[in-house]
Amino acid sequence: MPPEPPRRADSLRIRARLLAEARLVLAETGVPLQLNDLARRAGVGVGTVYRHFATSQALVEALAVVRLEDMLAVARRAAAEADPWAGIVLVLREQVRLEVEYAEVREVLAATYDTHPATSTAKAELEEITTGLLSRAQAAGLVRADLGAGDLRRLMCGVGYAANIGDGDHAALAELYLRVLCAGIKTG
């Protein structure tokens, strides 16, 4: 994703404070983030928030940018796997882990629109890699033929959501649900 344009030191500090506070609010209340409430919590004027983030979605995408880069790094590694099933499991496990740990990832991956072109680019690359892995696995007879990459993405969002609303250890629930899902998509 492209780097942010250079900013003054005080602007960078305010942006960092807004992102840190937004992460807390997102974990507490979910979306949409109320930018007026965020301004109050961060001790800045609402205009300052809007100068940094035009919309709640833009703020959520800014929170998710590092995690999307992490996910893409894992997906690229998975694409290089000789065993397409191992590659698919690697991508699925990473997506579920990030969705369980970071609400912003869950929200960005489930969103039907993006405010920043870099977000769209990252999601498109992830979809392209997943499609390639899925095609290889289907050609090898390892995965159901009636499953598409979009189906897989939506299923992962469902696993992440289910794990987060479950009682108990969310990471353990995510692992259980992922194993069940993998057993359901695998042939033979």
C-alpha atoms as a PDB file:
ATOM      1  CA  MET A   1       0.000   0.000   0.000  1.00  0.00           C
ATOM      2  CA  PRO A   2       1.300   3.477  -0.765  1.00  0.00           C
ATOM      3  CA  PRO A   3       2.878   5.402   2.085  1.00  0.00           C
ATOM      4  CA  GLU A   4       1.057   8.308   3.645  1.00  0.00           C
ATOM      5  CA  PRO A   5       2.218  11.750   2.494  1.00  0.00           C
ATOM      6  CA  PRO A   6       4.676  13.457   4.856  1.00  0.00           C
ATOM      7  CA  ARG A   7       3.027  15.223   7.775  1.00  0.00           C
ATOM      8  CA  ARG A   8       4.077  17.503  10.574  1.00  0.00           C
ATOM      9  CA  ALA A   9       5.139  15.858  13.826  1.00  0.00           C
ATOM     10  CA  ASP A  10       2.086  17.122  15.745  1.00  0.00           C
ATOM     11  CA  SER A  11      -0.224  15.837  13.024  1.00  0.00           C
ATOM     12  CA  LEU A  12       1.432  12.420  13.186  1.00  0.00           C
ATOM     13  CA  ARG A  13       1.012  12.337  16.972  1.00  0.00           C
ATOM     14  CA  ILE A  14      -2.667  13.228  16.686  1.00  0.00           C
ATOM     15  CA  ARG A  15      -3.201  10.597  13.974  1.00  0.00           C
ATOM     16  CA  ALA A  16      -1.497   7.957  16.147  1.00  0.00           C
ATOM     17  CA  ARG A  17      -3.673   8.948  19.129  1.00  0.00           C
ATOM     18  CA  LEU A  18      -6.817   8.767  16.983  1.00  0.00           C
ATOM     19  CA  LEU A  19      -5.873   5.329  15.669  1.00  0.00           C
ATOM     20  CA  ALA A  20      -5.084   4.022  19.157  1.00  0.00           C
ATOM     21  CA  GLU A  21      -8.347   5.349  20.559  1.00  0.00           C
ATOM     22  CA  ALA A  22     -10.302   4.063  17.543  1.00  0.00           C
ATOM     23  CA  ARG A  23      -8.874   0.574  18.077  1.00  0.00           C
ATOM     24  CA  LEU A  24     -10.232   0.625  21.631  1.00  0.00           C
ATOM     25  CA  VAL A  25     -13.644   1.934  20.543  1.00  0.00           C
ATOM     26  CA  LEU A  26     -13.885  -0.644  17.766  1.00  0.00           C
ATOM     27  CA  ALA A  27     -13.106  -3.451  20.194  1.00  0.00           C
ATOM     28  CA  GLU A  28     -15.704  -2.108  22.650  1.00  0.00           C
ATOM     29  CA  THR A  29     -18.588  -1.126  20.373  1.00  0.00           C
ATOM     30  CA  GLY A  30     -17.854  -2.274  16.835  1.00  0.00           C
ATOM     31  CA  VAL A  31     -18.862  -0.330  13.767  1.00  0.00           C
ATOM     32  CA  PRO A  32     -19.804   2.187  12.740  1.00  0.00           C
ATOM     33  CA  LEU A  33     -17.282   4.221  14.653  1.00  0.00           C
ATOM     34  CA  GLN A  34     -18.842   7.487  15.734  1.00  0.00           C
ATOM     35  CA  LEU A  35     -16.271  10.108  14.794  1.00  0.00           C
ATOM     36  CA  ASN A  36     -17.775  12.685  17.186  1.00  0.00           C
ATOM     37  CA  ASP A  37     -17.342  10.245  20.093  1.00  0.00           C
ATOM     38  CA  LEU A  38     -13.818   9.444  18.935  1.00  0.00           C
ATOM     39  CA  ALA A  39     -12.921  13.150  18.916  1.00  0.00           C
ATOM     40  CA  ARG A  40     -14.176  13.546  22.484  1.00  0.00           C
ATOM     41  CA  ARG A  41     -12.293  10.450  23.686  1.00  0.00           C
ATOM     42  CA  ALA A  42      -9.073  11.536  21.956  1.00  0.00           C
ATOM     43  CA  GLY A  43      -9.362  15.084  23.278  1.00  0.00           C
ATOM     44  CA  VAL A  44      -9.459  16.772  19.865  1.00  0.00           C
ATOM     45  CA  GLY A  45     -12.041  18.654  17.868  1.00  0.00           C
ATOM     46  CA  VAL A  46     -14.276  16.746  15.482  1.00  0.00           C
ATOM     47  CA  GLY A  47     -12.810  18.738  12.570  1.00  0.00           C
ATOM     48  CA  THR A  48      -9.406  17.280  13.413  1.00  0.00           C
ATOM     49  CA  VAL A  49     -10.800  13.763  13.166  1.00  0.00           C
ATOM     50  CA  TYR A  50     -12.404  14.521   9.803  1.00  0.00           C
ATOM     51  CA  ARG A  51      -9.147  16.033   8.481  1.00  0.00           C
ATOM     52  CA  HIS A  52      -7.473  12.687   9.149  1.00  0.00           C
ATOM     53  CA  PHE A  53     -10.379  10.359   8.280  1.00  0.00           C
ATOM     54  CA  ALA A  54     -13.257  11.541   6.109  1.00  0.00           C
ATOM     55  CA  THR A  55     -15.530   8.643   7.120  1.00  0.00           C
ATOM     56  CA  SER A  56     -15.805   5.875   9.663  1.00  0.00           C
ATOM     57  CA  GLN A  57     -14.942   3.382   6.908  1.00  0.00           C
ATOM     58  CA  ALA A  58     -11.762   5.312   6.045  1.00  0.00           C
ATOM     59  CA  LEU A  59     -10.734   5.095   9.694  1.00  0.00           C
ATOM     60  CA  VAL A  60     -11.411   1.347   9.861  1.00  0.00           C
ATOM     61  CA  GLU A  61      -9.360   0.837   6.690  1.00  0.00           C
ATOM     62  CA  ALA A  62      -6.484   2.853   8.188  1.00  0.00           C
ATOM     63  CA  LEU A  63      -6.590   0.582  11.233  1.00  0.00           C
ATOM     64  CA  ALA A  64      -6.532  -2.534   9.031  1.00  0.00           C
ATOM     65  CA  VAL A  65      -3.758  -1.573   6.612  1.00  0.00           C
ATOM     66  CA  VAL A  66      -0.907  -3.274   8.504  1.00  0.00           C
ATOM     67  CA  ARG A  67      -2.938  -6.431   9.087  1.00  0.00           C
ATOM     68  CA  LEU A  68      -3.893  -6.633   5.404  1.00  0.00           C
ATOM     69  CA  GLU A  69      -0.202  -6.417   4.521  1.00  0.00           C
ATOM     70  CA  ASP A  70       0.489  -9.243   6.991  1.00  0.00           C
ATOM     71  CA  MET A  71      -2.275 -11.322   5.431  1.00  0.00           C
ATOM     72  CA  LEU A  72      -0.930 -10.721   1.927  1.00  0.00           C
ATOM     73  CA  ALA A  73       2.567 -11.807   2.991  1.00  0.00           C
ATOM     74  CA  VAL A  74       1.141 -15.089   4.266  1.00  0.00           C
ATOM     75  CA  ALA A  75      -0.976 -15.512   1.116  1.00  0.00           C
ATOM     76  CA  ARG A  76       2.071 -15.008  -1.107  1.00  0.00           C
ATOM     77  CA  ARG A  77       3.942 -17.650   0.913  1.00  0.00           C
ATOM     78  CA  ALA A  78       0.951 -19.967   0.604  1.00  0.00           C
ATOM     79  CA  ALA A  79       0.878 -19.515  -3.173  1.00  0.00           C
ATOM     80  CA  ALA A  80       4.461 -20.798  -3.301  1.00  0.00           C
ATOM     81  CA  GLU A  81       3.547 -23.986  -1.401  1.00  0.00           C
ATOM     82  CA  ALA A  82       3.994 -27.145  -3.464  1.00  0.00           C
ATOM     83  CA  ASP A  83       0.914 -28.663  -1.808  1.00  0.00           C
ATOM     84  CA  PRO A  84      -2.145 -26.560  -2.731  1.00  0.00           C
ATOM     85  CA  TRP A  85      -4.128 -27.902   0.248  1.00  0.00           C
ATOM     86  CA  ALA A  86      -1.394 -26.762   2.643  1.00  0.00           C
ATOM     87  CA  GLY A  87      -1.476 -23.358   0.945  1.00  0.00           C
ATOM     88  CA  ILE A  88      -5.238 -23.025   1.321  1.00  0.00           C
ATOM     89  CA  VAL A  89      -5.127 -24.004   4.981  1.00  0.00           C
ATOM     90  CA  LEU A  90      -2.338 -21.472   5.593  1.00  0.00           C
ATOM     91  CA  VAL A  91      -4.399 -18.649   4.054  1.00  0.00           C
ATOM     92  CA  LEU A  92      -7.590 -19.675   5.837  1.00  0.00           C
ATOM     93  CA  ARG A  93      -5.892 -19.988   9.216  1.00  0.00           C
ATOM     94  CA  GLU A  94      -4.263 -16.553   8.872  1.00  0.00           C
ATOM     95  CA  GLN A  95      -7.493 -14.865   7.802  1.00  0.00           C
ATOM     96  CA  VAL A  96      -9.445 -16.379  10.681  1.00  0.00           C
ATOM     97  CA  ARG A  97      -6.703 -15.501  13.179  1.00  0.00           C
ATOM     98  CA  LEU A  98      -6.642 -11.881  12.044  1.00  0.00           C
ATOM     99  CA  GLU A  99     -10.426 -11.615  12.029  1.00  0.00           C
ATOM    100  CA  VAL A 100     -10.630 -12.948  15.573  1.00  0.00           C
ATOM    101  CA  GLU A 101      -7.827 -10.723  16.877  1.00  0.00           C
ATOM    102  CA  TYR A 102      -8.624  -7.519  14.962  1.00  0.00           C
ATOM    103  CA  ALA A 103     -12.157  -6.224  14.456  1.00  0.00           C
ATOM    104  CA  GLU A 104     -10.893  -3.865  11.761  1.00  0.00           C
ATOM    105  CA  VAL A 105      -9.797  -6.803   9.575  1.00  0.00           C
ATOM    106  CA  ARG A 106     -13.187  -8.441   9.980  1.00  0.00           C
ATOM    107  CA  GLU A 107     -14.926  -5.215   8.985  1.00  0.00           C
ATOM    108  CA  VAL A 108     -12.711  -4.450   5.978  1.00  0.00           C
ATOM    109  CA  LEU A 109     -12.938  -7.967   4.554  1.00  0.00           C
ATOM    110  CA  ALA A 110     -16.721  -8.015   4.945  1.00  0.00           C
ATOM    111  CA  ALA A 111     -17.212  -4.531   3.468  1.00  0.00           C
ATOM    112  CA  THR A 112     -18.798  -4.296   0.040  1.00  0.00           C
ATOM    113  CA  TYR A 113     -16.994  -1.036  -0.748  1.00  0.00           C
ATOM    114  CA  ASP A 114     -13.637   0.480   0.078  1.00  0.00           C
ATOM    115  CA  THR A 115     -12.773   4.131   0.583  1.00  0.00           C
ATOM    116  CA  HIS A 116      -9.093   3.810  -0.271  1.00  0.00           C
ATOM    117  CA  PRO A 117      -7.826   2.344  -3.568  1.00  0.00           C
ATOM    118  CA  ALA A 118      -4.995   0.569  -1.702  1.00  0.00           C
ATOM    119  CA  THR A 119      -7.565  -1.390   0.298  1.00  0.00           C
ATOM    120  CA  SER A 120      -9.284  -2.490  -2.898  1.00  0.00           C
ATOM    121  CA  THR A 121      -5.931  -3.461  -4.392  1.00  0.00           C
ATOM    122  CA  ALA A 122      -4.963  -5.529  -1.348  1.00  0.00           C
ATOM    123  CA  LYS A 123      -8.333  -7.298  -1.281  1.00  0.00           C
ATOM    124  CA  ALA A 124      -8.129  -7.988  -5.018  1.00  0.00           C
ATOM    125  CA  GLU A 125      -4.655  -9.495  -4.657  1.00  0.00           C
ATOM    126  CA  LEU A 126      -5.824 -11.667  -1.780  1.00  0.00           C
ATOM    127  CA  GLU A 127      -8.778 -12.841  -3.885  1.00  0.00           C
ATOM    128  CA  GLU A 128      -6.480 -13.555  -6.848  1.00  0.00           C
ATOM    129  CA  ILE A 129      -4.075 -15.615  -4.732  1.00  0.00           C
ATOM    130  CA  THR A 130      -6.936 -17.508  -3.094  1.00  0.00           C
ATOM    131  CA  THR A 131      -8.505 -18.192  -6.496  1.00  0.00           C
ATOM    132  CA  GLY A 132      -5.191 -19.595  -7.753  1.00  0.00           C
ATOM    133  CA  LEU A 133      -4.764 -21.812  -4.702  1.00  0.00           C
ATOM    134  CA  LEU A 134      -8.332 -22.989  -4.917  1.00  0.00           C
ATOM    135  CA  SER A 135      -8.014 -23.791  -8.649  1.00  0.00           C
ATOM    136  CA  ARG A 136      -4.844 -25.789  -8.028  1.00  0.00           C
ATOM    137  CA  ALA A 137      -6.456 -27.705  -5.174  1.00  0.00           C
ATOM    138  CA  GLN A 138      -9.584 -28.398  -7.229  1.00  0.00           C
ATOM    139  CA  ALA A 139      -7.498 -29.567 -10.210  1.00  0.00           C
ATOM    140  CA  ALA A 140      -5.703 -31.970  -7.843  1.00  0.00           C
ATOM    141  CA  GLY A 141      -9.071 -33.267  -6.600  1.00  0.00           C
ATOM    142  CA  LEU A 142      -8.468 -31.982  -3.071  1.00  0.00           C
ATOM    143  CA  VAL A 143     -11.304 -29.456  -2.751  1.00  0.00           C
ATOM    144  CA  ARG A 144     -14.964 -29.451  -3.752  1.00  0.00           C
ATOM    145  CA  ALA A 145     -15.392 -28.323  -7.359  1.00  0.00           C
ATOM    146  CA  ASP A 146     -18.477 -26.210  -6.592  1.00  0.00           C
ATOM    147  CA  LEU A 147     -16.612 -23.788  -4.297  1.00  0.00           C
ATOM    148  CA  GLY A 148     -15.340 -20.413  -5.488  1.00  0.00           C
ATOM    149  CA  ALA A 149     -12.856 -17.991  -3.890  1.00  0.00           C
ATOM    150  CA  GLY A 150     -15.706 -15.615  -3.006  1.00  0.00           C
ATOM    151  CA  ASP A 151     -17.491 -18.472  -1.249  1.00  0.00           C
ATOM    152  CA  LEU A 152     -14.346 -19.234   0.696  1.00  0.00           C
ATOM    153  CA  ARG A 153     -13.886 -15.583   1.699  1.00  0.00           C
ATOM    154  CA  ARG A 154     -17.474 -15.367   2.958  1.00  0.00           C
ATOM    155  CA  LEU A 155     -17.109 -18.647   4.852  1.00  0.00           C
ATOM    156  CA  MET A 156     -13.975 -17.302   6.553  1.00  0.00           C
ATOM    157  CA  CYS A 157     -15.826 -14.145   7.557  1.00  0.00           C
ATOM    158  CA  GLY A 158     -18.499 -16.421   9.033  1.00  0.00           C
ATOM    159  CA  VAL A 159     -15.952 -18.453  10.972  1.00  0.00           C
ATOM    160  CA  GLY A 160     -14.344 -15.289  12.345  1.00  0.00           C
ATOM    161  CA  TYR A 161     -17.727 -13.870  13.315  1.00  0.00           C
ATOM    162  CA  ALA A 162     -18.911 -17.116  14.929  1.00  0.00           C
ATOM    163  CA  ALA A 163     -15.709 -17.429  16.953  1.00  0.00           C
ATOM    164  CA  ASN A 164     -16.009 -13.843  18.175  1.00  0.00           C
ATOM    165  CA  ILE A 165     -19.569 -14.207  19.407  1.00  0.00           C
ATOM    166  CA  GLY A 166     -18.957 -17.614  20.989  1.00  0.00           C
ATOM    167  CA  ASP A 167     -18.519 -18.214  24.686  1.00  0.00           C
ATOM    168  CA  GLY A 168     -15.012 -19.017  25.840  1.00  0.00           C
ATOM    169  CA  ASP A 169     -11.629 -18.755  24.148  1.00  0.00           C
ATOM    170  CA  HIS A 170     -12.259 -17.145  20.769  1.00  0.00           C
ATOM    171  CA  ALA A 171      -8.984 -18.409  19.291  1.00  0.00           C
ATOM    172  CA  ALA A 172      -9.815 -21.993  20.302  1.00  0.00           C
ATOM    173  CA  LEU A 173     -13.320 -21.659  18.863  1.00  0.00           C
ATOM    174  CA  ALA A 174     -11.871 -20.279  15.633  1.00  0.00           C
ATOM    175  CA  GLU A 175      -9.539 -23.258  15.358  1.00  0.00           C
ATOM    176  CA  LEU A 176     -12.401 -25.691  15.955  1.00  0.00           C
ATOM    177  CA  TYR A 177     -14.681 -24.009  13.425  1.00  0.00           C
ATOM    178  CA  LEU A 178     -11.842 -23.821  10.900  1.00  0.00           C
ATOM    179  CA  ARG A 179     -11.161 -27.560  11.241  1.00  0.00           C
ATOM    180  CA  VAL A 180     -14.858 -28.280  10.689  1.00  0.00           C
ATOM    181  CA  LEU A 181     -14.945 -26.020   7.652  1.00  0.00           C
ATOM    182  CA  CYS A 182     -11.775 -27.549   6.185  1.00  0.00           C
ATOM    183  CA  ALA A 183     -13.249 -31.023   6.599  1.00  0.00           C
ATOM    184  CA  GLY A 184     -16.355 -29.832   4.768  1.00  0.00           C
ATOM    185  CA  ILE A 185     -14.560 -28.369   1.752  1.00  0.00           C
ATOM    186  CA  LYS A 186     -11.983 -31.100   1.336  1.00  0.00           C
ATOM    187  CA  THR A 187     -12.760 -34.056  -0.922  1.00  0.00           C
ATOM    188  CA  GLY A 188     -11.756 -37.621  -0.172  1.00  0.00           C
END
